């Protein structure tokens, strides 16, 4: 996902159409989610305009995003241009033309929405790589201990109940594994995220951020007014966010000490990095559409 930093000569005008204001964007959103589906939506535009570079609207559109109009780059030849930071800007573009409200992240834009040209971006990235290096020796033993306990739990449930919910147990264990591998503390061992509630709280918080890009399998008449028209109020997940914040502020104390040596405040690091790494698992499970081949105007 990128927006152009500078203009360059083009052999011909980019084909495509945005349709009528508001109406065209809403119609395209319905095509994307319900009438055509993601793949067919892009394929039909390529066929219609005879080009793999086309002007189109992308969800979520009116009321949720400032401008749904993009130029879609839909072939491998031109796609690498998006990785050239001298030609494109990536500020606030991780989830396409829509960026979640910062009221959900303590007033900060998380790292994924920072452009590489922003000074904070390099500092936060450096902190992440330092964290990855520091925990490299803990990953394998932590994996073994967590997943050994998982299979013991599965065996126990099978013996007692003749059945076991492996998917649920696996998700909770994976969440614990990530937290312990990075910070040495299992989320389920803390008061705020105990009894396996950490994954559910993280999932709910991420749903509030990404709901304009999801349908959750709901029919159009339900999903459109509830998910794609208005933002869900942030106060409904404030307690969940506070529990996650408290976990990071305590468990990640060593990483936060390192952050201060880089010129970052402890609060800023928690707010900007809470989507990474602890919520990676939930983010993958709720991953919205891939938007990296789109260049907003």
Protein backbone atom coordinates (compact mmCIF):
# COMPACT_ATOMS: atom_id res chain seq x y z
CA UNK A 1 0.00 0.00 0.00
CA UNK A 2 1.47 3.33 -0.92
CA UNK A 3 0.71 6.83 -2.06
CA UNK A 4 2.78 8.65 -4.64
CA UNK A 5 5.45 11.07 -3.41
CA UNK A 6 6.19 12.49 -6.80
CA UNK A 7 4.84 12.55 -10.31
CA UNK A 8 6.44 10.78 -13.25
CA UNK A 9 5.68 10.69 -16.93
CA UNK A 10 3.28 8.00 -18.07
CA UNK A 11 2.86 6.61 -21.59
CA UNK A 12 -0.92 6.83 -21.27
CA UNK A 13 -3.62 7.76 -18.81
CA UNK A 14 -4.40 5.09 -16.22
CA UNK A 15 -7.72 3.49 -17.21
CA UNK A 16 -10.60 2.86 -14.83
CA UNK A 17 -13.46 4.67 -13.16
CA UNK A 18 -14.50 5.69 -9.66
CA UNK A 19 -18.14 6.19 -10.59
CA UNK A 20 -20.36 8.81 -8.99
CA UNK A 21 -19.20 10.26 -5.65
CA UNK A 22 -20.29 8.11 -2.69
CA UNK A 23 -22.63 5.97 -4.82
CA UNK A 24 -19.79 4.53 -6.90
CA UNK A 25 -17.70 3.69 -3.84
CA UNK A 26 -20.62 2.02 -2.04
CA UNK A 27 -21.49 -0.01 -5.14
CA UNK A 28 -17.88 -1.16 -5.47
CA UNK A 29 -17.82 -2.15 -1.80
CA UNK A 30 -20.88 -4.33 -2.31
CA UNK A 31 -19.24 -5.91 -5.36
CA UNK A 32 -16.07 -6.58 -3.37
CA UNK A 33 -17.73 -8.23 -0.39
CA UNK A 34 -20.94 -9.76 -1.70
CA UNK A 35 -21.68 -9.70 -5.44
CA UNK A 36 -18.27 -10.64 -6.87
CA UNK A 37 -15.83 -11.37 -4.07
CA UNK A 38 -12.28 -10.13 -3.69
CA UNK A 39 -10.58 -12.00 -6.54
CA UNK A 40 -13.36 -11.54 -9.08
CA UNK A 41 -13.60 -7.85 -8.19
CA UNK A 42 -10.04 -7.20 -9.33
CA UNK A 43 -10.13 -9.67 -12.23
CA UNK A 44 -13.27 -8.10 -13.68
CA UNK A 45 -11.69 -4.63 -13.65
CA UNK A 46 -8.57 -5.92 -15.38
CA UNK A 47 -10.74 -7.53 -18.08
CA UNK A 48 -13.00 -4.48 -18.42
CA UNK A 49 -10.20 -1.95 -18.91
CA UNK A 50 -7.62 -4.21 -20.55
CA UNK A 51 -4.92 -3.20 -18.08
CA UNK A 52 -3.34 -4.50 -14.90
CA UNK A 53 -2.98 -0.92 -13.66
CA UNK A 54 -6.46 0.50 -13.07
CA UNK A 55 -8.29 3.20 -11.15
CA UNK A 56 -10.83 1.69 -8.74
CA UNK A 57 -12.49 2.18 -5.37
CA UNK A 58 -11.64 -0.12 -2.47
CA UNK A 59 -13.45 -0.81 0.81
CA UNK A 60 -14.45 0.38 3.30
CA UNK A 61 -15.36 3.57 1.46
CA UNK A 62 -17.60 6.45 2.58
CA UNK A 63 -17.84 7.38 6.27
CA UNK A 64 -15.04 4.95 7.20
CA UNK A 65 -12.18 6.16 4.98
CA UNK A 66 -11.35 9.64 3.78
CA UNK A 67 -10.89 8.67 0.14
CA UNK A 68 -11.62 5.20 -1.35
CA UNK A 69 -10.01 6.00 -4.71
CA UNK A 70 -6.82 4.12 -5.57
CA UNK A 71 -4.68 3.03 -8.48
CA UNK A 72 -4.39 -0.76 -8.27
CA UNK A 73 -1.13 -2.38 -9.41
CA UNK A 74 -2.14 -5.91 -10.32
CA UNK A 75 0.87 -7.44 -12.04
CA UNK A 76 4.27 -8.65 -10.87
CA UNK A 77 6.24 -6.38 -13.19
CA UNK A 78 5.20 -3.07 -11.64
CA UNK A 79 4.58 -4.30 -8.09
CA UNK A 80 8.23 -3.82 -6.90
CA UNK A 81 7.79 -0.05 -7.33
CA UNK A 82 5.81 -0.10 -4.09
CA UNK A 83 8.93 -1.15 -2.17
CA UNK A 84 10.91 1.89 -3.33
CA UNK A 85 10.61 4.37 -0.45
CA UNK A 86 12.00 7.14 -2.67
CA UNK A 87 8.90 6.89 -4.86
CA UNK A 88 6.11 6.01 -2.46
CA UNK A 89 4.94 7.03 0.99
CA UNK A 90 3.47 4.45 3.37
CA UNK A 91 2.12 6.67 6.11
CA UNK A 92 -1.21 5.44 7.55
CA UNK A 93 -1.65 2.89 4.75
CA UNK A 94 -1.18 -0.54 6.33
CA UNK A 95 -4.87 -1.46 6.01
CA UNK A 96 -5.53 0.31 2.74
CA UNK A 97 -7.38 3.61 2.59
CA UNK A 98 -8.65 3.08 6.13
CA UNK A 99 -6.73 3.56 9.38
CA UNK A 100 -8.27 2.65 12.75
CA UNK A 101 -8.93 5.46 15.19
CA UNK A 102 -6.03 6.22 17.50
CA UNK A 103 -8.56 6.24 20.35
CA UNK A 104 -8.09 2.46 20.25
CA UNK A 105 -4.31 2.73 20.71
CA UNK A 106 -3.90 5.37 23.38
CA UNK A 107 -3.62 8.25 20.92
CA UNK A 108 -0.60 6.78 19.09
CA UNK A 109 -0.27 5.42 15.56
CA UNK A 110 1.12 1.89 15.82
CA UNK A 111 4.35 1.02 14.03
CA UNK A 112 2.65 -0.50 10.97
CA UNK A 113 1.23 2.92 10.04
CA UNK A 114 4.53 4.81 10.31
CA UNK A 115 6.35 5.75 7.12
CA UNK A 116 10.08 4.82 7.04
CA UNK A 117 10.87 8.54 6.71
CA UNK A 118 9.44 9.26 10.17
CA UNK A 119 12.16 9.37 12.87
CA UNK A 120 10.17 7.18 15.27
CA UNK A 121 9.92 4.39 12.70
CA UNK A 122 13.64 3.58 12.78
CA UNK A 123 13.75 3.64 16.59
CA UNK A 124 10.77 1.32 16.98
CA UNK A 125 12.13 -1.08 14.36
CA UNK A 126 15.52 -1.11 16.06
CA UNK A 127 13.84 -1.96 19.35
CA UNK A 128 11.95 -4.83 17.74
CA UNK A 129 15.10 -6.34 16.24
CA UNK A 130 16.88 -5.96 19.58
CA UNK A 131 14.01 -7.79 21.25
CA UNK A 132 14.11 -10.58 18.66
CA UNK A 133 17.85 -11.01 19.18
CA UNK A 134 17.54 -11.06 22.96
CA UNK A 135 14.95 -13.85 23.01
CA UNK A 136 16.46 -16.11 20.34
CA UNK A 137 17.70 -18.68 22.88
CA UNK A 138 14.33 -18.85 24.62
CA UNK A 139 12.15 -19.70 21.63
CA UNK A 140 12.77 -23.46 21.36
CA UNK A 141 12.61 -24.35 25.09
CA UNK A 142 9.57 -22.12 25.55
CA UNK A 143 7.87 -23.78 22.59
CA UNK A 144 8.55 -27.23 24.03
CA UNK A 145 7.23 -26.40 27.49
CA UNK A 146 4.06 -24.70 26.26
CA UNK A 147 3.10 -27.26 23.66
CA UNK A 148 4.00 -30.22 25.87
CA UNK A 149 1.47 -28.82 28.32
CA UNK A 150 -1.00 -28.39 25.45
CA UNK A 151 -0.86 -32.05 24.43
CA UNK A 152 -1.05 -33.16 28.05
CA UNK A 153 -4.20 -31.06 28.38
CA UNK A 154 -5.66 -32.57 25.21
CA UNK A 155 -4.96 -36.08 26.48
CA UNK A 156 -6.60 -35.24 29.80
CA UNK A 157 -9.73 -33.90 28.12
CA UNK A 158 -9.96 -36.95 25.88
CA UNK A 159 -9.64 -39.27 28.86
CA UNK A 160 -12.26 -37.44 30.92
CA UNK A 161 -14.71 -36.20 28.29
CA UNK A 162 -13.98 -38.38 25.25
CA UNK A 163 -13.41 -35.18 23.25
CA UNK A 164 -11.15 -32.13 23.24
CA UNK A 165 -11.36 -28.69 21.61
CA UNK A 166 -7.87 -28.68 20.12
CA UNK A 167 -8.26 -25.46 18.11
CA UNK A 168 -9.23 -23.41 21.16
CA UNK A 169 -6.48 -24.91 23.29
CA UNK A 170 -3.93 -24.41 20.52
CA UNK A 171 -4.84 -20.73 20.11
CA UNK A 172 -4.53 -20.03 23.83
CA UNK A 173 -1.24 -21.94 24.00
CA UNK A 174 0.16 -20.08 21.00
CA UNK A 175 -0.73 -16.77 22.63
CA UNK A 176 1.03 -17.84 25.82
CA UNK A 177 4.04 -19.08 23.87
CA UNK A 178 4.53 -15.76 22.06
CA UNK A 179 4.28 -13.77 25.29
CA UNK A 180 6.64 -16.03 27.22
CA UNK A 181 9.16 -16.30 24.38
CA UNK A 182 9.44 -12.53 24.05
CA UNK A 183 9.06 -11.40 27.65
CA UNK A 184 9.46 -14.47 29.87
CA UNK A 185 5.91 -14.22 31.26
CA UNK A 186 2.89 -16.18 30.08
CA UNK A 187 -0.15 -13.91 29.64
CA UNK A 188 -2.37 -16.55 31.25
CA UNK A 189 -0.22 -16.35 34.40
CA UNK A 190 -1.18 -12.71 34.99
CA UNK A 191 -4.28 -11.42 36.74
CA UNK A 192 -5.60 -9.35 33.84
CA UNK A 193 -5.20 -12.04 31.18
CA UNK A 194 -5.66 -15.19 33.25
CA UNK A 195 -7.77 -18.25 32.46
CA UNK A 196 -7.05 -17.94 28.75
CA UNK A 197 -8.83 -14.59 28.48
CA UNK A 198 -5.86 -12.82 26.89
CA UNK A 199 -6.48 -14.08 23.38
CA UNK A 200 -10.18 -13.22 23.56
CA UNK A 201 -9.42 -9.69 24.76
CA UNK A 202 -6.80 -9.16 22.05
CA UNK A 203 -9.17 -10.54 19.43
CA UNK A 204 -11.99 -8.24 20.52
CA UNK A 205 -9.68 -5.23 20.51
CA UNK A 206 -8.42 -6.05 17.01
CA UNK A 207 -11.97 -6.60 15.78
CA UNK A 208 -12.80 -3.04 16.83
CA UNK A 209 -9.87 -1.85 14.70
CA UNK A 210 -10.49 -3.98 11.61
CA UNK A 211 -14.28 -4.35 11.45
CA UNK A 212 -14.65 -1.99 8.44
CA UNK A 213 -12.59 -4.50 6.42
CA UNK A 214 -14.47 -7.64 7.50
CA UNK A 215 -17.85 -9.26 6.97
CA UNK A 216 -17.56 -12.06 9.58
CA UNK A 217 -19.84 -14.18 7.42
CA UNK A 218 -22.80 -11.92 8.17
CA UNK A 219 -25.42 -11.21 5.49
CA UNK A 220 -25.14 -7.87 3.71
CA UNK A 221 -28.21 -6.40 5.40
CA UNK A 222 -26.54 -6.93 8.79
CA UNK A 223 -22.86 -6.30 8.01
CA UNK A 224 -23.30 -3.05 6.09
CA UNK A 225 -24.89 -0.92 8.83
CA UNK A 226 -23.06 -2.59 11.73
CA UNK A 227 -19.54 -3.05 10.34
CA UNK A 228 -19.04 -0.84 7.27
CA UNK A 229 -20.90 2.38 8.00
CA UNK A 230 -20.03 3.53 11.53
CA UNK A 231 -17.10 2.97 13.88
CA UNK A 232 -17.74 0.74 16.86
CA UNK A 233 -17.34 2.85 20.03
CA UNK A 234 -13.89 2.46 21.56
CA UNK A 235 -15.11 2.59 25.18
CA UNK A 236 -16.57 -0.91 24.73
CA UNK A 237 -13.04 -2.36 24.53
CA UNK A 238 -11.26 0.02 26.90
CA UNK A 239 -11.03 -2.60 29.67
CA UNK A 240 -9.64 -5.20 27.28
CA UNK A 241 -7.05 -2.74 26.01
CA UNK A 242 -6.11 -1.76 29.57
CA UNK A 243 -5.52 -5.42 30.47
CA UNK A 244 -3.23 -5.87 27.47
CA UNK A 245 -1.43 -2.61 28.26
CA UNK A 246 -0.85 -3.67 31.87
CA UNK A 247 0.62 -6.98 30.72
CA UNK A 248 3.15 -5.25 28.45
CA UNK A 249 4.05 -2.59 31.00
CA UNK A 250 4.95 -5.30 33.53
CA UNK A 251 6.20 -8.26 31.49
CA UNK A 252 8.19 -6.21 28.97
CA UNK A 253 10.05 -4.11 31.54
CA UNK A 254 13.48 -5.09 30.19
CA UNK A 255 12.50 -4.20 26.62
CA UNK A 256 11.07 -0.91 27.85
CA UNK A 257 14.37 -0.11 29.58
CA UNK A 258 16.10 -0.61 26.24
CA UNK A 259 13.54 1.62 24.56
CA UNK A 260 14.40 4.50 26.85
CA UNK A 261 18.04 4.28 25.77
CA UNK A 262 16.82 4.78 22.18
CA UNK A 263 14.93 7.92 23.10
CA UNK A 264 11.47 6.36 23.28
CA UNK A 265 9.15 6.67 26.26
CA UNK A 266 7.82 3.51 27.87
CA UNK A 267 4.21 4.47 27.16
CA UNK A 268 4.90 5.28 23.52
CA UNK A 269 6.58 1.92 22.94
CA UNK A 270 3.69 -0.02 24.45
CA UNK A 271 1.11 1.93 22.46
CA UNK A 272 2.99 1.72 19.16
CA UNK A 273 4.10 -1.91 19.47
CA UNK A 274 1.11 -3.56 21.10
CA UNK A 275 0.04 -4.96 17.73
CA UNK A 276 3.49 -6.58 17.59
CA UNK A 277 4.34 -9.21 18.63
CA UNK A 278 1.70 -10.33 21.12
CA UNK A 279 -1.27 -9.80 18.79
CA UNK A 280 0.30 -11.34 15.67
CA UNK A 281 -1.58 -14.60 16.17
CA UNK A 282 -4.95 -12.87 16.44
CA UNK A 283 -4.13 -10.55 13.56
CA UNK A 284 -3.42 -13.49 11.25
CA UNK A 285 -6.68 -15.17 12.19
CA UNK A 286 -8.65 -12.00 11.44
CA UNK A 287 -6.52 -10.85 8.52
CA UNK A 288 -8.43 -8.55 6.17
CA UNK A 289 -7.93 -8.25 2.44
CA UNK A 290 -4.40 -7.84 1.07
CA UNK A 291 -4.07 -4.18 0.11
CA UNK A 292 -0.36 -3.88 -0.68
CA UNK A 293 -0.90 -3.51 -4.43
CA UNK A 294 -2.99 -0.36 -4.13
CA UNK A 295 -1.78 3.22 -4.35
CA UNK A 296 -4.25 5.74 -2.88
CA UNK A 297 -4.48 9.08 -4.61
